[in-house]
């Protein structure tokens, strides 16, 4: 398999995930090795290791405060923005360590986009919400090319037909579900290969949630997706693989069907059956 590193160079990368790290033998997009995170004196993650499989949806589940979002933010170095955070271990993306000193974090986040829990459109027009990052990164220079990119991104997010006649309207005038899809369109406009989603449906009503879940299912053909969710039914619906976190550790990582129907660990069974959490 030929992959592109963060500087644009290409290299041959051969992946053979081990059975305890990855549920099956298939391409690994990101690999986490012995990841530990501290916020000041408080340790949030304890030696976490797992593979993120390419063109799959991986769900992170577990009780509040178990380290799911901390882990997710490590995958594109969003934790760098937090004061007094300390990170040990290794996270690789297409075989390259994203914490290496030479890595351009802005470029990294263009490759590994993020959608947050609460929709957060820029205070700009719908069009400018999509065009802003490609323009800043110098990816698109001609207006006609930008128009095509905006249309393509909104179509991929299932929003084009709803907003094509009001692209200059403020993004903040959209409904909550539309705003979240706008944020997804904004994330994919810079052509990432990984999308991180931190409880993207928690602020949405059931109809908007169903729309976003359908979108996630469609996007996995082109993107590797990691989603944090407290909704176990949502994990079962959208994810091919699920990792159960507890007290800063991964208790169990498996294909979703196996984890929900035949969990190997009692802690997992207790959580998914509602005995705690």
Foldseek 3Di string as FASTA:
>chain_A
DWDADLVGDIDDDDDQDDCQAEVDGAAFFKWWFQKWKDQAPRTQAGGATHTQHALFEEEEEEDPSQCPVVVLCVQLVVCVPHPRMDMDTFMDGVRHTCPDPVHDSLSSCLQEPEQEQFQDQDQFFLLCSQQVVCVVVVVDDDPVVSVVLSQVLCVLLVRCVVPVVPRRHTLVVDDRLNSSSSSSSNSCSSPHQEYEYENNPPPDDPVSVVSNLVSLQVCSNRHRYYYYHHDLVSCLSRGQKYFYGGNNYTPDIYGSVCLLPPNPDPVSVCVSVVVDD
